[in-house]
Amino acid sequence: MAAQGLVHGPLGPNCLHLCIDMQRLFGPGYPWAVPWLEKVAPVIETLCAHHAAQTIFTRFIPAARAGEGRGSWERYYRKWACVTLDEIGPDAVRLVARLERFVPPGLVLDKTVYSPWTEGHLDRLLTDTDVNTIVISGGETDVCVLATVLGAIDRGYRVVLAIDALCSSSDETHDALMQLYLTRFTEQIEVASSEEILENWR
């Protein structure tokens, strides 16, 4: 699937890189392992190396034990008891090893739901900043990245997806979401390669 590129021009100094849930929890050996994670990690590492101080890493924090959570999340963690903190331990929520070195200067934002906006932490971080553009990488394309993208659009940010720095455990729904981003949000989402992003973000 071809990216259409940065159709609205170069990225300015008020750009933020939001790296979604690149955690050990989604790496090899865990129940939620995302096969593509290891493929996109070097690309994300390159983005971070160029703009570490303008990067925020989100981390998805599961419930402590089975059956915890509000409403449907309680049912969710009954099904996924194997990924509660009691079962997998605290190391699982850490960033993948190759990205940890970017914190600091990069920041970490923890969340207990798919979207980093819902609990208000990201809004508070960006209050009184001049950020107007968000470059998004990480996973999953069709879950937490989707929630992040829609929240950013609602807040009026320019949204740029790094097409070669996104991953999902499902090829089918990854492709479907990329098609959605490219065809239904043409004025609000740009899809570009990490190379083009870096060339146009000085």
N, C-alpha and C. Protein backbone atom coordinates (compact mmCIF):
# COMPACT_ATOMS: atom_id res chain seq x y z
N MET A 1 0.85 -1.20 0.00
CA MET A 1 0.00 0.00 0.00
C MET A 1 0.89 1.24 0.00
N ALA A 2 0.69 2.11 -0.97
CA ALA A 2 1.57 3.25 -1.15
C ALA A 2 1.15 4.42 -0.27
N ALA A 3 2.15 5.06 0.33
CA ALA A 3 1.90 6.28 1.08
C ALA A 3 1.74 7.44 0.11
N GLN A 4 0.91 8.41 0.47
CA GLN A 4 0.75 9.56 -0.41
C GLN A 4 1.73 10.67 -0.07
N GLY A 5 2.45 10.53 1.05
CA GLY A 5 3.48 11.49 1.41
C GLY A 5 2.96 12.68 2.18
N LEU A 6 3.87 13.61 2.42
CA LEU A 6 3.55 14.80 3.22
C LEU A 6 2.91 15.85 2.32
N VAL A 7 1.64 15.68 2.05
CA VAL A 7 0.95 16.53 1.08
C VAL A 7 0.77 17.96 1.59
N HIS A 8 0.89 18.17 2.88
CA HIS A 8 0.74 19.51 3.43
C HIS A 8 2.08 20.17 3.75
N GLY A 9 3.14 19.63 3.18
CA GLY A 9 4.44 20.27 3.28
C GLY A 9 5.31 19.76 4.41
N PRO A 10 6.49 20.38 4.58
CA PRO A 10 7.45 19.95 5.59
C PRO A 10 6.88 20.05 7.01
N LEU A 11 7.51 19.33 7.91
CA LEU A 11 7.12 19.36 9.32
C LEU A 11 7.88 20.48 10.02
N GLY A 12 7.20 21.25 10.81
CA GLY A 12 7.82 22.38 11.47
C GLY A 12 8.42 22.03 12.82
N PRO A 13 8.91 23.03 13.53
CA PRO A 13 9.53 22.80 14.83
C PRO A 13 8.53 22.39 15.91
N ASN A 14 7.25 22.54 15.65
CA ASN A 14 6.22 22.22 16.65
C ASN A 14 5.64 20.83 16.42
N CYS A 15 6.52 19.90 16.06
CA CYS A 15 6.13 18.54 15.75
C CYS A 15 6.53 17.61 16.90
N LEU A 16 5.67 16.65 17.20
CA LEU A 16 5.90 15.67 18.25
C LEU A 16 5.82 14.27 17.66
N HIS A 17 6.72 13.39 18.10
CA HIS A 17 6.65 11.97 17.72
C HIS A 17 5.98 11.22 18.86
N LEU A 18 4.87 10.58 18.57
CA LEU A 18 4.14 9.79 19.56
C LEU A 18 4.31 8.33 19.19
N CYS A 19 5.05 7.60 20.00
CA CYS A 19 5.36 6.19 19.75
C CYS A 19 4.44 5.34 20.63
N ILE A 20 3.60 4.55 20.00
CA ILE A 20 2.53 3.86 20.70
C ILE A 20 2.93 2.43 21.10
N ASP A 21 3.00 2.21 22.40
CA ASP A 21 3.02 0.86 23.01
C ASP A 21 4.07 -0.09 22.45
N MET A 22 5.27 0.41 22.23
CA MET A 22 6.37 -0.47 21.80
C MET A 22 7.00 -1.09 23.05
N GLN A 23 6.31 -2.09 23.59
CA GLN A 23 6.66 -2.69 24.88
C GLN A 23 7.02 -4.16 24.73
N ARG A 24 7.72 -4.66 25.72
CA ARG A 24 8.09 -6.07 25.74
C ARG A 24 6.85 -6.97 25.76
N LEU A 25 5.78 -6.45 26.34
CA LEU A 25 4.51 -7.17 26.40
C LEU A 25 4.05 -7.64 25.03
N PHE A 26 4.42 -6.89 23.99
CA PHE A 26 4.00 -7.21 22.62
C PHE A 26 5.13 -7.86 21.82
N GLY A 27 6.17 -8.27 22.52
CA GLY A 27 7.31 -8.90 21.87
C GLY A 27 7.29 -10.41 21.99
N PRO A 28 8.31 -11.06 21.50
CA PRO A 28 8.38 -12.53 21.50
C PRO A 28 8.25 -13.11 22.90
N GLY A 29 7.52 -14.21 22.98
CA GLY A 29 7.40 -14.93 24.24
C GLY A 29 6.21 -14.54 25.10
N TYR A 30 5.47 -13.51 24.69
CA TYR A 30 4.30 -13.07 25.45
C TYR A 30 3.02 -13.41 24.69
N PRO A 31 1.90 -13.57 25.42
CA PRO A 31 0.64 -13.95 24.75
C PRO A 31 0.18 -12.95 23.69
N TRP A 32 0.54 -11.69 23.85
CA TRP A 32 0.13 -10.67 22.89
C TRP A 32 1.24 -10.33 21.89
N ALA A 33 2.14 -11.24 21.63
CA ALA A 33 3.26 -10.96 20.73
C ALA A 33 2.77 -10.50 19.36
N VAL A 34 3.35 -9.42 18.87
CA VAL A 34 3.04 -8.87 17.55
C VAL A 34 4.22 -9.17 16.63
N PRO A 35 4.05 -10.05 15.66
CA PRO A 35 5.19 -10.48 14.83
C PRO A 35 5.93 -9.32 14.17
N TRP A 36 5.21 -8.28 13.76
CA TRP A 36 5.86 -7.16 13.07
C TRP A 36 6.66 -6.25 13.99
N LEU A 37 6.47 -6.38 15.29
CA LEU A 37 7.12 -5.45 16.21
C LEU A 37 8.62 -5.40 15.99
N GLU A 38 9.23 -6.55 15.86
CA GLU A 38 10.68 -6.58 15.69
C GLU A 38 11.12 -6.01 14.34
N LYS A 39 10.23 -6.07 13.35
CA LYS A 39 10.54 -5.51 12.04
C LYS A 39 10.51 -3.99 12.04
N VAL A 40 9.53 -3.40 12.73
CA VAL A 40 9.41 -1.94 12.72
C VAL A 40 10.27 -1.27 13.79
N ALA A 41 10.72 -2.02 14.78
CA ALA A 41 11.49 -1.42 15.87
C ALA A 41 12.73 -0.66 15.39
N PRO A 42 13.52 -1.19 14.44
CA PRO A 42 14.68 -0.41 13.98
C PRO A 42 14.28 0.90 13.29
N VAL A 43 13.16 0.89 12.60
CA VAL A 43 12.69 2.12 11.94
C VAL A 43 12.30 3.15 13.01
N ILE A 44 11.58 2.70 14.02
CA ILE A 44 11.20 3.60 15.11
C ILE A 44 12.43 4.10 15.85
N GLU A 45 13.40 3.23 16.02
CA GLU A 45 14.65 3.64 16.67
C GLU A 45 15.31 4.79 15.91
N THR A 46 15.29 4.73 14.59
CA THR A 46 15.86 5.80 13.78
C THR A 46 15.10 7.11 13.97
N LEU A 47 13.76 7.03 13.99
CA LEU A 47 12.96 8.24 14.25
C LEU A 47 13.32 8.83 15.60
N CYS A 48 13.43 7.98 16.61
CA CYS A 48 13.74 8.44 17.96
C CYS A 48 15.14 9.04 18.04
N ALA A 49 16.09 8.43 17.35
CA ALA A 49 17.47 8.90 17.40
C ALA A 49 17.60 10.33 16.89
N HIS A 50 16.75 10.69 15.93
CA HIS A 50 16.79 12.04 15.37
C HIS A 50 16.00 13.05 16.20
N HIS A 51 15.00 12.58 16.93
CA HIS A 51 14.12 13.51 17.64
C HIS A 51 13.71 12.97 19.02
N ALA A 52 14.68 12.51 19.78
CA ALA A 52 14.37 11.90 21.08
C ALA A 52 13.67 12.88 22.02
N ALA A 53 14.10 14.12 22.02
CA ALA A 53 13.51 15.10 22.94
C ALA A 53 12.10 15.48 22.55
N GLN A 54 11.70 15.16 21.32
CA GLN A 54 10.34 15.44 20.85
C GLN A 54 9.52 14.15 20.76
N THR A 55 9.89 13.14 21.55
CA THR A 55 9.19 11.86 21.51
C THR A 55 8.52 11.57 22.84
N ILE A 56 7.28 11.10 22.76
CA ILE A 56 6.57 10.57 23.92
C ILE A 56 6.24 9.11 23.62
N PHE A 57 6.62 8.23 24.52
CA PHE A 57 6.32 6.80 24.40
C PHE A 57 5.10 6.48 25.27
N THR A 58 4.06 5.93 24.69
CA THR A 58 2.95 5.46 25.52
C THR A 58 3.19 4.00 25.89
N ARG A 59 2.67 3.62 27.06
CA ARG A 59 2.72 2.23 27.50
C ARG A 59 1.33 1.80 27.96
N PHE A 60 0.89 0.67 27.45
CA PHE A 60 -0.38 0.09 27.87
C PHE A 60 -0.14 -0.73 29.14
N ILE A 61 -0.84 -0.37 30.22
CA ILE A 61 -0.65 -1.04 31.50
C ILE A 61 -1.87 -1.92 31.78
N PRO A 62 -1.72 -3.25 31.73
CA PRO A 62 -2.86 -4.13 31.99
C PRO A 62 -3.31 -4.06 33.45
N ALA A 63 -4.47 -4.62 33.70
CA ALA A 63 -4.97 -4.72 35.08
C ALA A 63 -4.02 -5.57 35.92
N ALA A 64 -4.06 -5.35 37.21
CA ALA A 64 -3.18 -6.09 38.12
C ALA A 64 -3.55 -7.57 38.19
N ARG A 65 -4.85 -7.85 38.12
CA ARG A 65 -5.27 -9.25 38.27
C ARG A 65 -6.55 -9.49 37.48
N ALA A 66 -6.87 -10.75 37.30
CA ALA A 66 -8.05 -11.14 36.51
C ALA A 66 -9.33 -10.57 37.10
N GLY A 67 -10.21 -10.07 36.23
CA GLY A 67 -11.51 -9.56 36.65
C GLY A 67 -11.51 -8.12 37.09
N GLU A 68 -10.35 -7.47 37.14
CA GLU A 68 -10.33 -6.05 37.48
C GLU A 68 -10.74 -5.23 36.26
N GLY A 69 -11.21 -4.03 36.51
CA GLY A 69 -11.55 -3.14 35.42
C GLY A 69 -13.00 -2.73 35.46
N ARG A 70 -13.27 -1.62 34.78
CA ARG A 70 -14.61 -1.06 34.77
C ARG A 70 -15.39 -1.59 33.57
N GLY A 71 -16.63 -2.00 33.80
CA GLY A 71 -17.51 -2.41 32.71
C GLY A 71 -16.94 -3.56 31.91
N SER A 72 -16.86 -3.38 30.60
CA SER A 72 -16.39 -4.45 29.72
C SER A 72 -14.93 -4.79 29.94
N TRP A 73 -14.15 -3.89 30.56
CA TRP A 73 -12.76 -4.22 30.87
C TRP A 73 -12.67 -5.35 31.90
N GLU A 74 -13.66 -5.45 32.78
CA GLU A 74 -13.66 -6.56 33.73
C GLU A 74 -13.76 -7.90 32.98
N ARG A 75 -14.67 -7.96 32.01
CA ARG A 75 -14.82 -9.17 31.20
C ARG A 75 -13.55 -9.42 30.38
N TYR A 76 -12.98 -8.35 29.86
CA TYR A 76 -11.77 -8.44 29.06
C TYR A 76 -10.64 -9.12 29.85
N TYR A 77 -10.48 -8.70 31.10
CA TYR A 77 -9.37 -9.27 31.89
C TYR A 77 -9.71 -10.60 32.55
N ARG A 78 -10.96 -11.01 32.47
CA ARG A 78 -11.24 -12.41 32.79
C ARG A 78 -10.76 -13.29 31.65
N LYS A 79 -10.99 -12.84 30.41
CA LYS A 79 -10.52 -13.59 29.25
C LYS A 79 -9.00 -13.57 29.17
N TRP A 80 -8.41 -12.41 29.42
CA TRP A 80 -6.97 -12.23 29.25
C TRP A 80 -6.25 -12.21 30.60
N ALA A 81 -6.63 -13.10 31.48
CA ALA A 81 -5.97 -13.19 32.79
C ALA A 81 -4.47 -13.43 32.65
N CYS A 82 -4.07 -14.06 31.54
CA CYS A 82 -2.66 -14.40 31.35
C CYS A 82 -1.77 -13.19 31.11
N VAL A 83 -2.37 -12.01 30.84
CA VAL A 83 -1.55 -10.82 30.63
C VAL A 83 -1.73 -9.78 31.73
N THR A 84 -2.36 -10.17 32.84
CA THR A 84 -2.44 -9.26 33.98
C THR A 84 -1.06 -9.16 34.63
N LEU A 85 -0.84 -8.09 35.35
CA LEU A 85 0.48 -7.86 35.95
C LEU A 85 0.86 -8.95 36.93
N ASP A 86 -0.13 -9.53 37.61
CA ASP A 86 0.16 -10.65 38.51
C ASP A 86 0.79 -11.83 37.77
N GLU A 87 0.41 -11.99 36.49
CA GLU A 87 0.88 -13.14 35.72
C GLU A 87 2.17 -12.85 34.95
N ILE A 88 2.28 -11.66 34.39
CA ILE A 88 3.43 -11.39 33.50
C ILE A 88 4.54 -10.61 34.17
N GLY A 89 4.26 -9.94 35.29
CA GLY A 89 5.29 -9.20 36.00
C GLY A 89 5.56 -7.83 35.41
N PRO A 90 6.20 -6.95 36.18
CA PRO A 90 6.38 -5.55 35.77
C PRO A 90 7.30 -5.35 34.58
N ASP A 91 8.25 -6.25 34.34
CA ASP A 91 9.16 -6.05 33.21
C ASP A 91 8.43 -6.06 31.88
N ALA A 92 7.30 -6.73 31.81
CA ALA A 92 6.58 -6.85 30.55
C ALA A 92 6.09 -5.51 30.02
N VAL A 93 5.84 -4.55 30.91
CA VAL A 93 5.31 -3.26 30.44
C VAL A 93 6.43 -2.29 30.06
N ARG A 94 7.67 -2.67 30.26
CA ARG A 94 8.78 -1.80 29.87
C ARG A 94 8.84 -1.65 28.36
N LEU A 95 9.41 -0.55 27.90
CA LEU A 95 9.66 -0.39 26.48
C LEU A 95 10.61 -1.48 26.00
N VAL A 96 10.56 -1.79 24.71
CA VAL A 96 11.53 -2.74 24.17
C VAL A 96 12.92 -2.16 24.37
N ALA A 97 13.89 -3.05 24.52
CA ALA A 97 15.23 -2.64 24.96
C ALA A 97 15.84 -1.56 24.08
N ARG A 98 15.68 -1.64 22.77
CA ARG A 98 16.36 -0.71 21.87
C ARG A 98 15.78 0.70 21.95
N LEU A 99 14.61 0.86 22.59
CA LEU A 99 14.01 2.20 22.72
C LEU A 99 14.18 2.81 24.11
N GLU A 100 14.49 2.00 25.08
CA GLU A 100 14.60 2.52 26.45
C GLU A 100 15.67 3.60 26.57
N ARG A 101 16.70 3.52 25.75
CA ARG A 101 17.80 4.48 25.87
C ARG A 101 17.40 5.91 25.52
N PHE A 102 16.23 6.07 24.93
CA PHE A 102 15.79 7.42 24.55
C PHE A 102 15.02 8.12 25.67
N VAL A 103 14.88 7.46 26.82
CA VAL A 103 14.19 8.06 27.98
C VAL A 103 15.18 8.18 29.14
N PRO A 104 15.50 9.41 29.61
CA PRO A 104 15.24 10.68 28.92
C PRO A 104 16.16 10.83 27.71
N PRO A 105 15.94 11.86 26.90
CA PRO A 105 15.03 13.00 27.05
C PRO A 105 13.58 12.71 26.68
N GLY A 106 13.33 11.60 25.99
CA GLY A 106 11.94 11.25 25.69
C GLY A 106 11.15 11.00 26.96
N LEU A 107 9.84 11.14 26.86
CA LEU A 107 8.96 10.95 28.01
C LEU A 107 8.15 9.67 27.85
N VAL A 108 7.69 9.13 28.98
CA VAL A 108 6.82 7.95 28.98
C VAL A 108 5.47 8.33 29.55
N LEU A 109 4.41 7.93 28.88
CA LEU A 109 3.04 8.18 29.33
C LEU A 109 2.33 6.84 29.45
N ASP A 110 1.88 6.50 30.65
CA ASP A 110 1.17 5.24 30.89
C ASP A 110 -0.33 5.44 30.75
N LYS A 111 -0.99 4.39 30.24
CA LYS A 111 -2.44 4.43 30.07
C LYS A 111 -2.99 3.04 30.34
N THR A 112 -4.24 2.98 30.74
CA THR A 112 -4.87 1.68 31.03
C THR A 112 -5.95 1.33 30.02
N VAL A 113 -6.10 2.18 28.99
CA VAL A 113 -7.06 1.95 27.92
C VAL A 113 -6.34 2.15 26.59
N TYR A 114 -7.04 1.96 25.48
CA TYR A 114 -6.39 2.04 24.18
C TYR A 114 -5.88 3.45 23.85
N SER A 115 -6.68 4.46 24.18
CA SER A 115 -6.34 5.82 23.78
C SER A 115 -5.49 6.52 24.83
N PRO A 116 -4.47 7.27 24.41
CA PRO A 116 -3.70 8.07 25.37
C PRO A 116 -4.40 9.37 25.75
N TRP A 117 -5.54 9.66 25.10
CA TRP A 117 -6.26 10.90 25.36
C TRP A 117 -7.32 10.73 26.45
N THR A 118 -7.92 9.55 26.56
CA THR A 118 -9.11 9.34 27.38
C THR A 118 -8.90 9.71 28.84
N GLU A 119 -7.75 9.34 29.39
CA GLU A 119 -7.51 9.59 30.82
C GLU A 119 -6.93 10.98 31.09
N GLY A 120 -6.71 11.75 30.02
CA GLY A 120 -6.32 13.15 30.18
C GLY A 120 -4.83 13.42 30.31
N HIS A 121 -4.01 12.37 30.39
CA HIS A 121 -2.58 12.59 30.64
C HIS A 121 -1.90 13.30 29.47
N LEU A 122 -2.24 12.88 28.25
CA LEU A 122 -1.58 13.49 27.09
C LEU A 122 -2.02 14.93 26.90
N ASP A 123 -3.29 15.19 27.10
CA ASP A 123 -3.75 16.58 27.01
C ASP A 123 -3.00 17.47 28.00
N ARG A 124 -2.80 16.98 29.20
CA ARG A 124 -2.08 17.78 30.20
C ARG A 124 -0.63 18.01 29.79
N LEU A 125 0.01 16.98 29.21
CA LEU A 125 1.39 17.14 28.77
C LEU A 125 1.52 18.19 27.67
N LEU A 126 0.51 18.28 26.81
CA LEU A 126 0.60 19.17 25.67
C LEU A 126 0.01 20.56 25.93
N THR A 127 -0.62 20.73 27.10
CA THR A 127 -1.15 22.05 27.45
C THR A 127 0.00 23.05 27.52
N ASP A 128 -0.22 24.21 26.99
CA ASP A 128 0.76 25.30 27.00
C ASP A 128 2.01 24.98 26.17
N THR A 129 1.92 24.03 25.26
CA THR A 129 2.98 23.81 24.29
C THR A 129 2.53 24.34 22.94
N ASP A 130 3.47 24.42 22.00
CA ASP A 130 3.15 24.88 20.65
C ASP A 130 2.98 23.72 19.67
N VAL A 131 2.85 22.50 20.19
CA VAL A 131 2.72 21.33 19.33
C VAL A 131 1.47 21.45 18.46
N ASN A 132 1.65 21.30 17.16
CA ASN A 132 0.51 21.32 16.25
C ASN A 132 0.49 20.13 15.29
N THR A 133 1.55 19.32 15.33
CA THR A 133 1.69 18.18 14.43
C THR A 133 2.15 16.96 15.22
N ILE A 134 1.55 15.81 14.95
CA ILE A 134 1.92 14.58 15.66
C ILE A 134 2.26 13.51 14.64
N VAL A 135 3.49 13.03 14.71
CA VAL A 135 3.93 11.86 13.93
C VAL A 135 3.69 10.63 14.79
N ILE A 136 3.02 9.63 14.24
CA ILE A 136 2.64 8.45 15.03
C ILE A 136 3.32 7.20 14.47
N SER A 137 3.89 6.43 15.42
CA SER A 137 4.48 5.14 15.10
C SER A 137 4.02 4.14 16.15
N GLY A 138 4.35 2.86 15.96
CA GLY A 138 4.06 1.85 16.98
C GLY A 138 2.92 0.93 16.63
N GLY A 139 2.23 0.44 17.66
CA GLY A 139 1.20 -0.57 17.42
C GLY A 139 0.07 -0.50 18.44
N GLU A 140 -1.01 -1.19 18.21
CA GLU A 140 -1.27 -1.81 16.94
C GLU A 140 -2.05 -0.85 16.04
N THR A 141 -1.80 -0.97 14.75
CA THR A 141 -2.41 -0.10 13.75
C THR A 141 -3.92 0.01 13.91
N ASP A 142 -4.55 -1.12 14.26
CA ASP A 142 -5.99 -1.23 14.26
C ASP A 142 -6.61 -1.18 15.67
N VAL A 143 -5.80 -0.87 16.67
CA VAL A 143 -6.34 -0.78 18.04
C VAL A 143 -5.85 0.53 18.68
N CYS A 144 -4.70 0.51 19.33
CA CYS A 144 -4.24 1.69 20.06
C CYS A 144 -3.81 2.82 19.13
N VAL A 145 -3.23 2.48 17.99
CA VAL A 145 -2.90 3.54 17.02
C VAL A 145 -4.18 4.19 16.51
N LEU A 146 -5.19 3.39 16.21
CA LEU A 146 -6.47 3.93 15.76
C LEU A 146 -7.05 4.89 16.79
N ALA A 147 -7.07 4.49 18.05
CA ALA A 147 -7.61 5.35 19.11
C ALA A 147 -6.81 6.64 19.24
N THR A 148 -5.50 6.54 19.07
CA THR A 148 -4.63 7.71 19.16
C THR A 148 -4.89 8.67 18.00
N VAL A 149 -4.99 8.12 16.81
CA VAL A 149 -5.23 8.93 15.61
C VAL A 149 -6.54 9.69 15.71
N LEU A 150 -7.61 9.01 16.09
CA LEU A 150 -8.92 9.66 16.15
C LEU A 150 -8.94 10.77 17.20
N GLY A 151 -8.29 10.54 18.33
CA GLY A 151 -8.21 11.58 19.36
C GLY A 151 -7.44 12.79 18.88
N ALA A 152 -6.34 12.55 18.16
CA ALA A 152 -5.55 13.66 17.64
C ALA A 152 -6.32 14.46 16.60
N ILE A 153 -7.06 13.76 15.74
CA ILE A 153 -7.88 14.44 14.74
C ILE A 153 -8.93 15.31 15.43
N ASP A 154 -9.61 14.77 16.42
CA ASP A 154 -10.64 15.53 17.12
C ASP A 154 -10.09 16.80 17.75
N ARG A 155 -8.82 16.78 18.12
CA ARG A 155 -8.20 17.95 18.76
C ARG A 155 -7.56 18.89 17.75
N GLY A 156 -7.65 18.55 16.47
CA GLY A 156 -7.20 19.46 15.44
C GLY A 156 -5.73 19.38 15.09
N TYR A 157 -5.04 18.36 15.56
CA TYR A 157 -3.63 18.22 15.22
C TYR A 157 -3.45 17.76 13.77
N ARG A 158 -2.37 18.19 13.17
CA ARG A 158 -1.94 17.58 11.92
C ARG A 158 -1.40 16.19 12.27
N VAL A 159 -1.89 15.16 11.62
CA VAL A 159 -1.53 13.78 11.96
C VAL A 159 -0.76 13.17 10.80
N VAL A 160 0.43 12.66 11.11
CA VAL A 160 1.28 12.01 10.11
C VAL A 160 1.57 10.59 10.60
N LEU A 161 1.22 9.60 9.79
CA LEU A 161 1.50 8.21 10.12
C LEU A 161 2.76 7.76 9.39
N ALA A 162 3.70 7.20 10.13
CA ALA A 162 4.91 6.64 9.54
C ALA A 162 4.59 5.22 9.07
N ILE A 163 4.35 5.04 7.78
CA ILE A 163 3.79 3.80 7.26
C ILE A 163 4.68 2.58 7.52
N ASP A 164 5.99 2.79 7.55
CA ASP A 164 6.90 1.68 7.77
C ASP A 164 7.28 1.52 9.24
N ALA A 165 6.58 2.23 10.12
CA ALA A 165 6.85 2.17 11.56
C ALA A 165 5.60 1.83 12.35
N LEU A 166 4.65 1.17 11.68
CA LEU A 166 3.41 0.73 12.31
C LEU A 166 3.33 -0.79 12.25
N CYS A 167 2.72 -1.40 13.27
CA CYS A 167 2.61 -2.86 13.27
C CYS A 167 1.29 -3.30 13.88
N SER A 168 0.90 -4.52 13.50
CA SER A 168 -0.30 -5.15 14.02
C SER A 168 -0.10 -6.65 14.04
N SER A 169 -0.88 -7.32 14.85
CA SER A 169 -0.84 -8.78 14.86
C SER A 169 -1.72 -9.37 13.75
N SER A 170 -2.44 -8.50 13.04
CA SER A 170 -3.32 -8.96 11.96
C SER A 170 -3.00 -8.20 10.68
N ASP A 171 -2.50 -8.91 9.68
CA ASP A 171 -2.23 -8.28 8.38
C ASP A 171 -3.51 -7.73 7.76
N GLU A 172 -4.59 -8.49 7.89
CA GLU A 172 -5.85 -8.10 7.25
C GLU A 172 -6.38 -6.79 7.79
N THR A 173 -6.43 -6.67 9.11
CA THR A 173 -6.99 -5.43 9.66
C THR A 173 -5.99 -4.27 9.61
N HIS A 174 -4.69 -4.57 9.62
CA HIS A 174 -3.70 -3.51 9.37
C HIS A 174 -3.95 -2.89 8.00
N ASP A 175 -4.07 -3.75 6.98
CA ASP A 175 -4.30 -3.24 5.63
C ASP A 175 -5.62 -2.48 5.52
N ALA A 176 -6.64 -3.00 6.20
CA ALA A 176 -7.94 -2.34 6.16
C ALA A 176 -7.87 -0.95 6.79
N LEU A 177 -7.16 -0.85 7.88
CA LEU A 177 -7.05 0.46 8.56
C LEU A 177 -6.19 1.42 7.75
N MET A 178 -5.13 0.93 7.12
CA MET A 178 -4.34 1.82 6.29
C MET A 178 -5.18 2.34 5.13
N GLN A 179 -6.01 1.48 4.57
CA GLN A 179 -6.92 1.92 3.51
C GLN A 179 -7.89 2.98 4.03
N LEU A 180 -8.39 2.77 5.23
CA LEU A 180 -9.29 3.75 5.85
C LEU A 180 -8.58 5.08 6.04
N TYR A 181 -7.38 5.04 6.61
CA TYR A 181 -6.64 6.28 6.84
C TYR A 181 -6.38 7.03 5.53
N LEU A 182 -6.07 6.28 4.48
CA LEU A 182 -5.69 6.89 3.21
C LEU A 182 -6.87 7.42 2.40
N THR A 183 -8.07 6.89 2.65
CA THR A 183 -9.21 7.24 1.80
C THR A 183 -10.31 8.02 2.51
N ARG A 184 -10.42 7.88 3.83
CA ARG A 184 -11.53 8.52 4.54
C ARG A 184 -11.10 9.75 5.34
N PHE A 185 -9.81 9.97 5.49
CA PHE A 185 -9.33 11.10 6.28
C PHE A 185 -8.29 11.89 5.49
N THR A 186 -8.59 12.15 4.22
CA THR A 186 -7.58 12.72 3.33
C THR A 186 -7.14 14.13 3.73
N GLU A 187 -7.97 14.88 4.42
CA GLU A 187 -7.59 16.22 4.84
C GLU A 187 -6.96 16.23 6.23
N GLN A 188 -7.04 15.12 6.95
CA GLN A 188 -6.62 15.11 8.35
C GLN A 188 -5.50 14.13 8.67
N ILE A 189 -5.21 13.21 7.76
CA ILE A 189 -4.14 12.24 7.96
C ILE A 189 -3.24 12.22 6.74
N GLU A 190 -1.93 12.29 6.98
CA GLU A 190 -0.94 12.06 5.93
C GLU A 190 -0.19 10.78 6.26
N VAL A 191 0.09 10.00 5.26
CA VAL A 191 0.81 8.74 5.43
C VAL A 191 2.10 8.84 4.64
N ALA A 192 3.23 8.75 5.35
CA ALA A 192 4.53 8.94 4.70
C ALA A 192 5.53 7.92 5.24
N SER A 193 6.59 7.69 4.49
CA SER A 193 7.66 6.82 4.97
C SER A 193 8.47 7.56 6.04
N SER A 194 9.14 6.79 6.87
CA SER A 194 9.98 7.40 7.91
C SER A 194 11.11 8.21 7.27
N GLU A 195 11.59 7.76 6.12
CA GLU A 195 12.64 8.50 5.42
C GLU A 195 12.15 9.89 5.01
N GLU A 196 10.95 9.94 4.44
CA GLU A 196 10.41 11.25 4.04
C GLU A 196 10.16 12.12 5.26
N ILE A 197 9.67 11.53 6.32
CA ILE A 197 9.42 12.28 7.54
C ILE A 197 10.71 12.91 8.04
N LEU A 198 11.77 12.14 8.11
CA LEU A 198 13.05 12.65 8.64
C LEU A 198 13.64 13.70 7.70
N GLU A 199 13.48 13.51 6.40
CA GLU A 199 14.00 14.49 5.45
C GLU A 199 13.29 15.83 5.57
N ASN A 200 12.05 15.80 6.03
CA ASN A 200 11.24 17.02 6.08
C ASN A 200 11.00 17.53 7.50
N TRP A 201 11.72 16.95 8.48
CA TRP A 201 11.61 17.40 9.87
C TRP A 201 12.99 17.74 10.36
N ARG A 202 13.33 19.01 10.21
CA ARG A 202 14.67 19.46 10.57
C ARG A 202 14.68 20.15 11.91
